[in-house]
């Protein structure tokens, strides 16, 4: 599904909001115009709700490469499964 969403974003960029038939025929060929319109409706609702509060992630959170933010790598000790010493008495 993520692949279809990325194609949807490409089609949205190329044909604009509302031209679901062109997006369906030329970019996301595995979906009907009605399915593309439904996906767009959910996508735009999700974009609006994300501005209000952060919810769990969804397929509709995927954006184009221009909109992505760099995430710093996690501490290498966490990735290696090392234990933290909290100095709790045993």
PDB file of N, CA and C in Angstrom:
ATOM      1  N   UNK A   1       0.818  -1.191   0.000  1.00  0.00           N
ATOM      2  CA  UNK A   1       0.000   0.000   0.000  1.00  0.00           C
ATOM      3  C   UNK A   1       0.860   1.252   0.000  1.00  0.00           C
ATOM      4  N   UNK A   2       2.013   1.217   0.654  1.00  0.00           N
ATOM      5  CA  UNK A   2       2.888   2.391   0.692  1.00  0.00           C
ATOM      6  C   UNK A   2       3.334   2.766  -0.724  1.00  0.00           C
ATOM      7  N   UNK A   3       3.539   1.750  -1.561  1.00  0.00           N
ATOM      8  CA  UNK A   3       3.940   2.012  -2.940  1.00  0.00           C
ATOM      9  C   UNK A   3       2.853   2.795  -3.671  1.00  0.00           C
ATOM     10  N   UNK A   4       1.584   2.390  -3.481  1.00  0.00           N
ATOM     11  CA  UNK A   4       0.462   3.099  -4.106  1.00  0.00           C
ATOM     12  C   UNK A   4       0.356   4.519  -3.580  1.00  0.00           C
ATOM     13  N   UNK A   5       0.625   4.719  -2.291  1.00  0.00           N
ATOM     14  CA  UNK A   5       0.541   6.062  -1.726  1.00  0.00           C
ATOM     15  C   UNK A   5       1.609   6.964  -2.322  1.00  0.00           C
ATOM     16  N   UNK A   6       2.796   6.435  -2.512  1.00  0.00           N
ATOM     17  CA  UNK A   6       3.855   7.247  -3.136  1.00  0.00           C
ATOM     18  C   UNK A   6       3.489   7.600  -4.570  1.00  0.00           C
ATOM     19  N   UNK A   7       2.903   6.646  -5.279  1.00  0.00           N
ATOM     20  CA  UNK A   7       2.425   6.955  -6.629  1.00  0.00           C
ATOM     21  C   UNK A   7       1.322   8.008  -6.579  1.00  0.00           C
ATOM     22  N   UNK A   8       0.447   7.896  -5.594  1.00  0.00           N
ATOM     23  CA  UNK A   8      -0.603   8.892  -5.416  1.00  0.00           C
ATOM     24  C   UNK A   8       0.007  10.287  -5.242  1.00  0.00           C
ATOM     25  N   UNK A   9       1.042  10.393  -4.410  1.00  0.00           N
ATOM     26  CA  UNK A   9       1.686  11.692  -4.190  1.00  0.00           C
ATOM     27  C   UNK A   9       2.324  12.235  -5.470  1.00  0.00           C
ATOM     28  N   UNK A  10       2.900  11.349  -6.258  1.00  0.00           N
ATOM     29  CA  UNK A  10       3.473  11.765  -7.543  1.00  0.00           C
ATOM     30  C   UNK A  10       2.378  12.284  -8.464  1.00  0.00           C
ATOM     31  N   UNK A  11       1.278  11.546  -8.540  1.00  0.00           N
ATOM     32  CA  UNK A  11       0.141  11.969  -9.358  1.00  0.00           C
ATOM     33  C   UNK A  11      -0.469  13.265  -8.865  1.00  0.00           C
ATOM     34  N   UNK A  12      -0.546  13.429  -7.569  1.00  0.00           N
ATOM     35  CA  UNK A  12      -1.083  14.653  -6.986  1.00  0.00           C
ATOM     36  C   UNK A  12      -0.210  15.849  -7.359  1.00  0.00           C
ATOM     37  N   UNK A  13       1.082  15.646  -7.328  1.00  0.00           N
ATOM     38  CA  UNK A  13       2.015  16.707  -7.709  1.00  0.00           C
ATOM     39  C   UNK A  13       1.884  17.048  -9.191  1.00  0.00           C
ATOM     40  N   UNK A  14       1.709  16.025 -10.021  1.00  0.00           N
ATOM     41  CA  UNK A  14       1.649  16.226 -11.467  1.00  0.00           C
ATOM     42  C   UNK A  14       0.307  16.784 -11.943  1.00  0.00           C
ATOM     43  N   UNK A  15      -0.803  16.243 -11.417  1.00  0.00           N
ATOM     44  CA  UNK A  15      -2.132  16.595 -11.930  1.00  0.00           C
ATOM     45  C   UNK A  15      -2.933  17.518 -11.008  1.00  0.00           C
ATOM     46  N   UNK A  16      -2.513  17.632  -9.765  1.00  0.00           N
ATOM     47  CA  UNK A  16      -3.200  18.523  -8.843  1.00  0.00           C
ATOM     48  C   UNK A  16      -4.367  17.878  -8.133  1.00  0.00           C
ATOM     49  N   UNK A  17      -4.808  18.570  -7.091  1.00  0.00           N
ATOM     50  CA  UNK A  17      -5.913  18.091  -6.265  1.00  0.00           C
ATOM     51  C   UNK A  17      -7.214  18.114  -7.064  1.00  0.00           C
ATOM     52  N   UNK A  18      -7.913  17.002  -7.083  1.00  0.00           N
ATOM     53  CA  UNK A  18      -9.203  16.933  -7.738  1.00  0.00           C
ATOM     54  C   UNK A  18      -9.225  16.204  -9.067  1.00  0.00           C
ATOM     55  N   UNK A  19      -8.076  16.026  -9.701  1.00  0.00           N
ATOM     56  CA  UNK A  19      -8.041  15.330 -10.991  1.00  0.00           C
ATOM     57  C   UNK A  19      -7.775  13.842 -10.754  1.00  0.00           C
ATOM     58  N   UNK A  20      -8.700  13.208 -10.036  1.00  0.00           N
ATOM     59  CA  UNK A  20      -8.523  11.810  -9.638  1.00  0.00           C
ATOM     60  C   UNK A  20      -8.527  10.871 -10.838  1.00  0.00           C
ATOM     61  N   UNK A  21      -9.256  11.213 -11.883  1.00  0.00           N
ATOM     62  CA  UNK A  21      -9.304  10.368 -13.073  1.00  0.00           C
ATOM     63  C   UNK A  21      -7.923  10.287 -13.731  1.00  0.00           C
ATOM     64  N   UNK A  22      -7.253  11.424 -13.879  1.00  0.00           N
ATOM     65  CA  UNK A  22      -5.919  11.417 -14.496  1.00  0.00           C
ATOM     66  C   UNK A  22      -4.912  10.690 -13.619  1.00  0.00           C
ATOM     67  N   UNK A  23      -5.004  10.895 -12.318  1.00  0.00           N
ATOM     68  CA  UNK A  23      -4.091  10.198 -11.404  1.00  0.00           C
ATOM     69  C   UNK A  23      -4.317   8.695 -11.518  1.00  0.00           C
ATOM     70  N   UNK A  24      -5.578   8.273 -11.580  1.00  0.00           N
ATOM     71  CA  UNK A  24      -5.905   6.853 -11.688  1.00  0.00           C
ATOM     72  C   UNK A  24      -5.456   6.256 -13.021  1.00  0.00           C
ATOM     73  N   UNK A  25      -5.707   6.961 -14.099  1.00  0.00           N
ATOM     74  CA  UNK A  25      -5.377   6.428 -15.431  1.00  0.00           C
ATOM     75  C   UNK A  25      -3.884   6.434 -15.738  1.00  0.00           C
ATOM     76  N   UNK A  26      -3.165   7.431 -15.238  1.00  0.00           N
ATOM     77  CA  UNK A  26      -1.778   7.626 -15.665  1.00  0.00           C
ATOM     78  C   UNK A  26      -0.724   7.307 -14.615  1.00  0.00           C
ATOM     79  N   UNK A  27      -1.093   7.281 -13.345  1.00  0.00           N
ATOM     80  CA  UNK A  27      -0.068   7.079 -12.317  1.00  0.00           C
ATOM     81  C   UNK A  27      -0.385   5.860 -11.444  1.00  0.00           C
ATOM     82  N   UNK A  28      -1.507   5.873 -10.771  1.00  0.00           N
ATOM     83  CA  UNK A  28      -1.899   4.757  -9.903  1.00  0.00           C
ATOM     84  C   UNK A  28      -2.885   3.902 -10.682  1.00  0.00           C
ATOM     85  N   UNK A  29      -2.379   3.176 -11.643  1.00  0.00           N
ATOM     86  CA  UNK A  29      -3.233   2.444 -12.590  1.00  0.00           C
ATOM     87  C   UNK A  29      -3.944   1.254 -11.960  1.00  0.00           C
ATOM     88  N   UNK A  30      -3.546   0.859 -10.758  1.00  0.00           N
ATOM     89  CA  UNK A  30      -4.191  -0.270 -10.083  1.00  0.00           C
ATOM     90  C   UNK A  30      -5.410   0.166  -9.279  1.00  0.00           C
ATOM     91  N   UNK A  31      -5.738   1.456  -9.294  1.00  0.00           N
ATOM     92  CA  UNK A  31      -6.878   1.972  -8.531  1.00  0.00           C
ATOM     93  C   UNK A  31      -7.830   2.743  -9.436  1.00  0.00           C
ATOM     94  N   UNK A  32      -9.113   2.686  -9.110  1.00  0.00           N
ATOM     95  CA  UNK A  32     -10.124   3.427  -9.859  1.00  0.00           C
ATOM     96  C   UNK A  32     -10.117   4.892  -9.407  1.00  0.00           C
ATOM     97  N   UNK A  33     -10.703   5.788 -10.205  1.00  0.00           N
ATOM     98  CA  UNK A  33     -10.786   7.186  -9.770  1.00  0.00           C
ATOM     99  C   UNK A  33     -11.512   7.343  -8.427  1.00  0.00           C
ATOM    100  N   UNK A  34     -12.516   6.525  -8.180  1.00  0.00           N
ATOM    101  CA  UNK A  34     -13.231   6.583  -6.907  1.00  0.00           C
ATOM    102  C   UNK A  34     -12.324   6.191  -5.748  1.00  0.00           C
ATOM    103  N   UNK A  35     -11.500   5.164  -5.956  1.00  0.00           N
ATOM    104  CA  UNK A  35     -10.571   4.734  -4.913  1.00  0.00           C
ATOM    105  C   UNK A  35      -9.509   5.796  -4.656  1.00  0.00           C
ATOM    106  N   UNK A  36      -9.036   6.434  -5.722  1.00  0.00           N
ATOM    107  CA  UNK A  36      -8.044   7.504  -5.572  1.00  0.00           C
ATOM    108  C   UNK A  36      -8.655   8.677  -4.812  1.00  0.00           C
ATOM    109  N   UNK A  37      -9.897   9.034  -5.136  1.00  0.00           N
ATOM    110  CA  UNK A  37     -10.581  10.134  -4.453  1.00  0.00           C
ATOM    111  C   UNK A  37     -10.781   9.809  -2.969  1.00  0.00           C
ATOM    112  N   UNK A  38     -11.136   8.572  -2.664  1.00  0.00           N
ATOM    113  CA  UNK A  38     -11.315   8.154  -1.281  1.00  0.00           C
ATOM    114  C   UNK A  38      -9.999   8.235  -0.516  1.00  0.00           C
ATOM    115  N   UNK A  39      -8.933   7.783  -1.154  1.00  0.00           N
ATOM    116  CA  UNK A  39      -7.611   7.851  -0.537  1.00  0.00           C
ATOM    117  C   UNK A  39      -7.227   9.309  -0.289  1.00  0.00           C
ATOM    118  N   UNK A  40      -7.501  10.173  -1.258  1.00  0.00           N
ATOM    119  CA  UNK A  40      -7.177  11.593  -1.122  1.00  0.00           C
ATOM    120  C   UNK A  40      -7.953  12.208   0.043  1.00  0.00           C
ATOM    121  N   UNK A  41      -9.214  11.848   0.176  1.00  0.00           N
ATOM    122  CA  UNK A  41     -10.027  12.380   1.263  1.00  0.00           C
ATOM    123  C   UNK A  41      -9.416  12.001   2.616  1.00  0.00           C
ATOM    124  N   UNK A  42      -9.034  10.750   2.761  1.00  0.00           N
ATOM    125  CA  UNK A  42      -8.416  10.293   4.008  1.00  0.00           C
ATOM    126  C   UNK A  42      -7.065  10.975   4.227  1.00  0.00           C
ATOM    127  N   UNK A  43      -6.317  11.141   3.152  1.00  0.00           N
ATOM    128  CA  UNK A  43      -5.004  11.784   3.233  1.00  0.00           C
ATOM    129  C   UNK A  43      -5.136  13.230   3.723  1.00  0.00           C
ATOM    130  N   UNK A  44      -6.064  13.985   3.148  1.00  0.00           N
ATOM    131  CA  UNK A  44      -6.229  15.383   3.547  1.00  0.00           C
ATOM    132  C   UNK A  44      -6.794  15.513   4.957  1.00  0.00           C
ATOM    133  N   UNK A  45      -7.695  14.624   5.351  1.00  0.00           N
ATOM    134  CA  UNK A  45      -8.181  14.636   6.725  1.00  0.00           C
ATOM    135  C   UNK A  45      -7.051  14.351   7.705  1.00  0.00           C
ATOM    136  N   UNK A  46      -6.195  13.414   7.344  1.00  0.00           N
ATOM    137  CA  UNK A  46      -5.063  13.070   8.203  1.00  0.00           C
ATOM    138  C   UNK A  46      -4.088  14.243   8.310  1.00  0.00           C
ATOM    139  N   UNK A  47      -3.856  14.945   7.206  1.00  0.00           N
ATOM    140  CA  UNK A  47      -2.972  16.099   7.232  1.00  0.00           C
ATOM    141  C   UNK A  47      -3.517  17.181   8.164  1.00  0.00           C
ATOM    142  N   UNK A  48      -4.821  17.404   8.137  1.00  0.00           N
ATOM    143  CA  UNK A  48      -5.446  18.404   9.004  1.00  0.00           C
ATOM    144  C   UNK A  48      -5.355  17.990  10.475  1.00  0.00           C
ATOM    145  N   UNK A  49      -5.623  16.720  10.759  1.00  0.00           N
ATOM    146  CA  UNK A  49      -5.597  16.272  12.148  1.00  0.00           C
ATOM    147  C   UNK A  49      -4.183  16.257  12.712  1.00  0.00           C
ATOM    148  N   UNK A  50      -3.186  16.044  11.876  1.00  0.00           N
ATOM    149  CA  UNK A  50      -1.804  16.026  12.346  1.00  0.00           C
ATOM    150  C   UNK A  50      -1.364  17.413  12.795  1.00  0.00           C
ATOM    151  N   UNK A  51      -1.961  18.455  12.247  1.00  0.00           N
ATOM    152  CA  UNK A  51      -1.612  19.808  12.662  1.00  0.00           C
ATOM    153  C   UNK A  51      -2.129  20.087  14.070  1.00  0.00           C
ATOM    154  N   UNK A  52      -3.225  19.446  14.457  1.00  0.00           N
ATOM    155  CA  UNK A  52      -3.828  19.678  15.764  1.00  0.00           C
ATOM    156  C   UNK A  52      -3.106  18.898  16.856  1.00  0.00           C
ATOM    157  N   UNK A  53      -2.891  17.617  16.639  1.00  0.00           N
ATOM    158  CA  UNK A  53      -2.220  16.786  17.627  1.00  0.00           C
ATOM    159  C   UNK A  53      -1.565  15.595  16.940  1.00  0.00           C
ATOM    160  N   UNK A  54      -0.531  15.097  17.550  1.00  0.00           N
ATOM    161  CA  UNK A  54       0.215  13.979  16.994  1.00  0.00           C
ATOM    162  C   UNK A  54      -0.450  12.670  17.399  1.00  0.00           C
ATOM    163  N   UNK A  55      -0.798  11.859  16.428  1.00  0.00           N
ATOM    164  CA  UNK A  55      -1.379  10.544  16.686  1.00  0.00           C
ATOM    165  C   UNK A  55      -0.402   9.482  16.197  1.00  0.00           C
ATOM    166  N   UNK A  56      -0.776   8.239  16.330  1.00  0.00           N
ATOM    167  CA  UNK A  56       0.120   7.185  15.866  1.00  0.00           C
ATOM    168  C   UNK A  56       0.295   7.290  14.353  1.00  0.00           C
ATOM    169  N   UNK A  57       1.381   6.776  13.862  1.00  0.00           N
ATOM    170  CA  UNK A  57       1.719   6.923  12.452  1.00  0.00           C
ATOM    171  C   UNK A  57       0.787   6.103  11.563  1.00  0.00           C
ATOM    172  N   UNK A  58       0.693   6.526  10.331  1.00  0.00           N
ATOM    173  CA  UNK A  58      -0.201   5.901   9.364  1.00  0.00           C
ATOM    174  C   UNK A  58       0.443   5.968   7.984  1.00  0.00           C
ATOM    175  N   UNK A  59      -0.082   5.211   7.061  1.00  0.00           N
ATOM    176  CA  UNK A  59       0.363   5.261   5.673  1.00  0.00           C
ATOM    177  C   UNK A  59       0.171   6.660   5.097  1.00  0.00           C
ATOM    178  N   UNK A  60      -0.822   7.381   5.615  1.00  0.00           N
ATOM    179  CA  UNK A  60      -1.127   8.711   5.099  1.00  0.00           C
ATOM    180  C   UNK A  60      -0.138   9.771   5.583  1.00  0.00           C
ATOM    181  N   UNK A  61       0.802   9.380   6.441  1.00  0.00           N
ATOM    182  CA  UNK A  61       1.823  10.306   6.905  1.00  0.00           C
ATOM    183  C   UNK A  61       2.992  10.401   5.935  1.00  0.00           C
ATOM    184  N   UNK A  62       3.073   9.498   4.986  1.00  0.00           N
ATOM    185  CA  UNK A  62       4.167   9.515   4.028  1.00  0.00           C
ATOM    186  C   UNK A  62       4.015  10.727   3.129  1.00  0.00           C
ATOM    187  N   UNK A  63       5.104  11.470   2.979  1.00  0.00           N
ATOM    188  CA  UNK A  63       5.086  12.652   2.132  1.00  0.00           C
ATOM    189  C   UNK A  63       6.184  12.534   1.088  1.00  0.00           C
ATOM    190  N   UNK A  64       6.293  13.533   0.247  1.00  0.00           N
ATOM    191  CA  UNK A  64       7.358  13.526  -0.748  1.00  0.00           C
ATOM    192  C   UNK A  64       8.690  13.787  -0.066  1.00  0.00           C
ATOM    193  N   UNK A  65       9.785  13.528  -0.768  1.00  0.00           N
ATOM    194  CA  UNK A  65      11.120  13.670  -0.194  1.00  0.00           C
ATOM    195  C   UNK A  65      11.405  15.095   0.248  1.00  0.00           C
ATOM    196  N   UNK A  66      10.788  16.077  -0.337  1.00  0.00           N
ATOM    197  CA  UNK A  66      11.011  17.475   0.012  1.00  0.00           C
ATOM    198  C   UNK A  66      10.530  17.754   1.428  1.00  0.00           C
ATOM    199  N   UNK A  67       9.475  17.062   1.869  1.00  0.00           N
ATOM    200  CA  UNK A  67       8.869  17.322   3.167  1.00  0.00           C
ATOM    201  C   UNK A  67       9.495  16.530   4.314  1.00  0.00           C
ATOM    202  N   UNK A  68      10.420  15.632   4.042  1.00  0.00           N
ATOM    203  CA  UNK A  68      10.948  14.773   5.093  1.00  0.00           C
ATOM    204  C   UNK A  68      11.944  15.521   5.957  1.00  0.00           C
ATOM    205  N   UNK A  69      12.052  15.089   7.207  1.00  0.00           N
ATOM    206  CA  UNK A  69      12.999  15.667   8.154  1.00  0.00           C
ATOM    207  C   UNK A  69      14.055  14.618   8.466  1.00  0.00           C
ATOM    208  N   UNK A  70      15.260  15.077   8.730  1.00  0.00           N
ATOM    209  CA  UNK A  70      16.326  14.167   9.103  1.00  0.00           C
ATOM    210  C   UNK A  70      16.147  13.778  10.564  1.00  0.00           C
ATOM    211  N   UNK A  71      16.274  12.498  10.856  1.00  0.00           N
ATOM    212  CA  UNK A  71      16.170  12.005  12.212  1.00  0.00           C
ATOM    213  C   UNK A  71      17.567  11.581  12.645  1.00  0.00           C
ATOM    214  N   UNK A  72      18.053  12.127  13.762  1.00  0.00           N
ATOM    215  CA  UNK A  72      19.403  11.750  14.193  1.00  0.00           C
ATOM    216  C   UNK A  72      19.442  10.281  14.595  1.00  0.00           C
ATOM    217  N   UNK A  73      20.575   9.609  14.369  1.00  0.00           N
ATOM    218  CA  UNK A  73      20.676   8.188  14.731  1.00  0.00           C
ATOM    219  C   UNK A  73      20.608   8.030  16.243  1.00  0.00           C
ATOM    220  N   UNK A  74      20.103   6.867  16.675  1.00  0.00           N
ATOM    221  CA  UNK A  74      20.010   6.584  18.103  1.00  0.00           C
ATOM    222  C   UNK A  74      21.377   6.269  18.660  1.00  0.00           C
ATOM    223  N   UNK A  75      21.491   6.353  19.956  1.00  0.00           N
ATOM    224  CA  UNK A  75      22.723   6.029  20.654  1.00  0.00           C
ATOM    225  C   UNK A  75      23.148   4.605  20.294  1.00  0.00           C
ATOM    226  N   UNK A  76      24.389   4.412  19.945  1.00  0.00           N
ATOM    227  CA  UNK A  76      24.844   3.096  19.491  1.00  0.00           C
ATOM    228  C   UNK A  76      24.741   2.048  20.589  1.00  0.00           C
ATOM    229  N   UNK A  77      24.823   2.441  21.880  1.00  0.00           N
ATOM    230  CA  UNK A  77      24.685   1.468  22.961  1.00  0.00           C
ATOM    231  C   UNK A  77      23.272   0.898  23.008  1.00  0.00           C
ATOM    232  N   UNK A  78      22.281   1.722  22.699  1.00  0.00           N
ATOM    233  CA  UNK A  78      20.911   1.232  22.685  1.00  0.00           C
ATOM    234  C   UNK A  78      20.728   0.211  21.573  1.00  0.00           C
ATOM    235  N   UNK A  79      21.360   0.443  20.444  1.00  0.00           N
ATOM    236  CA  UNK A  79      21.228  -0.465  19.316  1.00  0.00           C
ATOM    237  C   UNK A  79      21.910  -1.804  19.568  1.00  0.00           C
ATOM    238  N   UNK A  80      22.918  -1.832  20.476  1.00  0.00           N
ATOM    239  CA  UNK A  80      23.654  -3.057  20.735  1.00  0.00           C
ATOM    240  C   UNK A  80      23.054  -3.850  21.889  1.00  0.00           C
ATOM    241  N   UNK A  81      21.982  -3.365  22.471  1.00  0.00           N
ATOM    242  CA  UNK A  81      21.341  -4.093  23.559  1.00  0.00           C
ATOM    243  C   UNK A  81      22.073  -3.959  24.878  1.00  0.00           C
ATOM    244  N   UNK A  82      22.891  -2.929  25.083  1.00  0.00           N
ATOM    245  CA  UNK A  82      23.623  -2.737  26.331  1.00  0.00           C
ATOM    246  C   UNK A  82      22.656  -2.311  27.434  1.00  0.00           C
ATOM    247  N   UNK A  83      23.012  -2.640  28.667  1.00  0.00           N
ATOM    248  CA  UNK A  83      22.183  -2.280  29.805  1.00  0.00           C
ATOM    249  C   UNK A  83      22.618  -0.939  30.365  1.00  0.00           C
ATOM    250  N   UNK A  84      21.633  -0.186  30.888  1.00  0.00           N
ATOM    251  CA  UNK A  84      21.955   1.057  31.573  1.00  0.00           C
ATOM    252  C   UNK A  84      22.038   0.765  33.050  1.00  0.00           C
ATOM    253  N   UNK A  85      22.943   1.448  33.757  1.00  0.00           N
ATOM    254  CA  UNK A  85      23.078   1.285  35.190  1.00  0.00           C
ATOM    255  C   UNK A  85      22.304   2.417  35.867  1.00  0.00           C
ATOM    256  N   UNK A  86      21.196   2.096  36.521  1.00  0.00           N
ATOM    257  CA  UNK A  86      20.404   3.104  37.211  1.00  0.00           C
ATOM    258  C   UNK A  86      20.737   3.169  38.696  1.00  0.00           C
ATOM    259  N   UNK A  87      21.726   2.367  39.143  1.00  0.00           N
ATOM    260  CA  UNK A  87      22.172   2.337  40.540  1.00  0.00           C
ATOM    261  C   UNK A  87      21.040   2.007  41.520  1.00  0.00           C
ATOM    262  N   UNK A  88      20.198   1.073  41.153  1.00  0.00           N
ATOM    263  CA  UNK A  88      19.152   0.618  42.059  1.00  0.00           C
ATOM    264  C   UNK A  88      19.752  -0.425  42.998  1.00  0.00           C
ATOM    265  N   UNK A  89      19.405  -0.352  44.284  1.00  0.00           N
ATOM    266  CA  UNK A  89      19.905  -1.385  45.206  1.00  0.00           C
ATOM    267  C   UNK A  89      19.261  -2.732  44.885  1.00  0.00           C
ATOM    268  N   UNK A  90      20.038  -3.784  45.031  1.00  0.00           N
ATOM    269  CA  UNK A  90      19.518  -5.120  44.747  1.00  0.00           C
ATOM    270  C   UNK A  90      19.428  -5.919  45.994  1.00  0.00           C
TER     271      UNK A  90
END
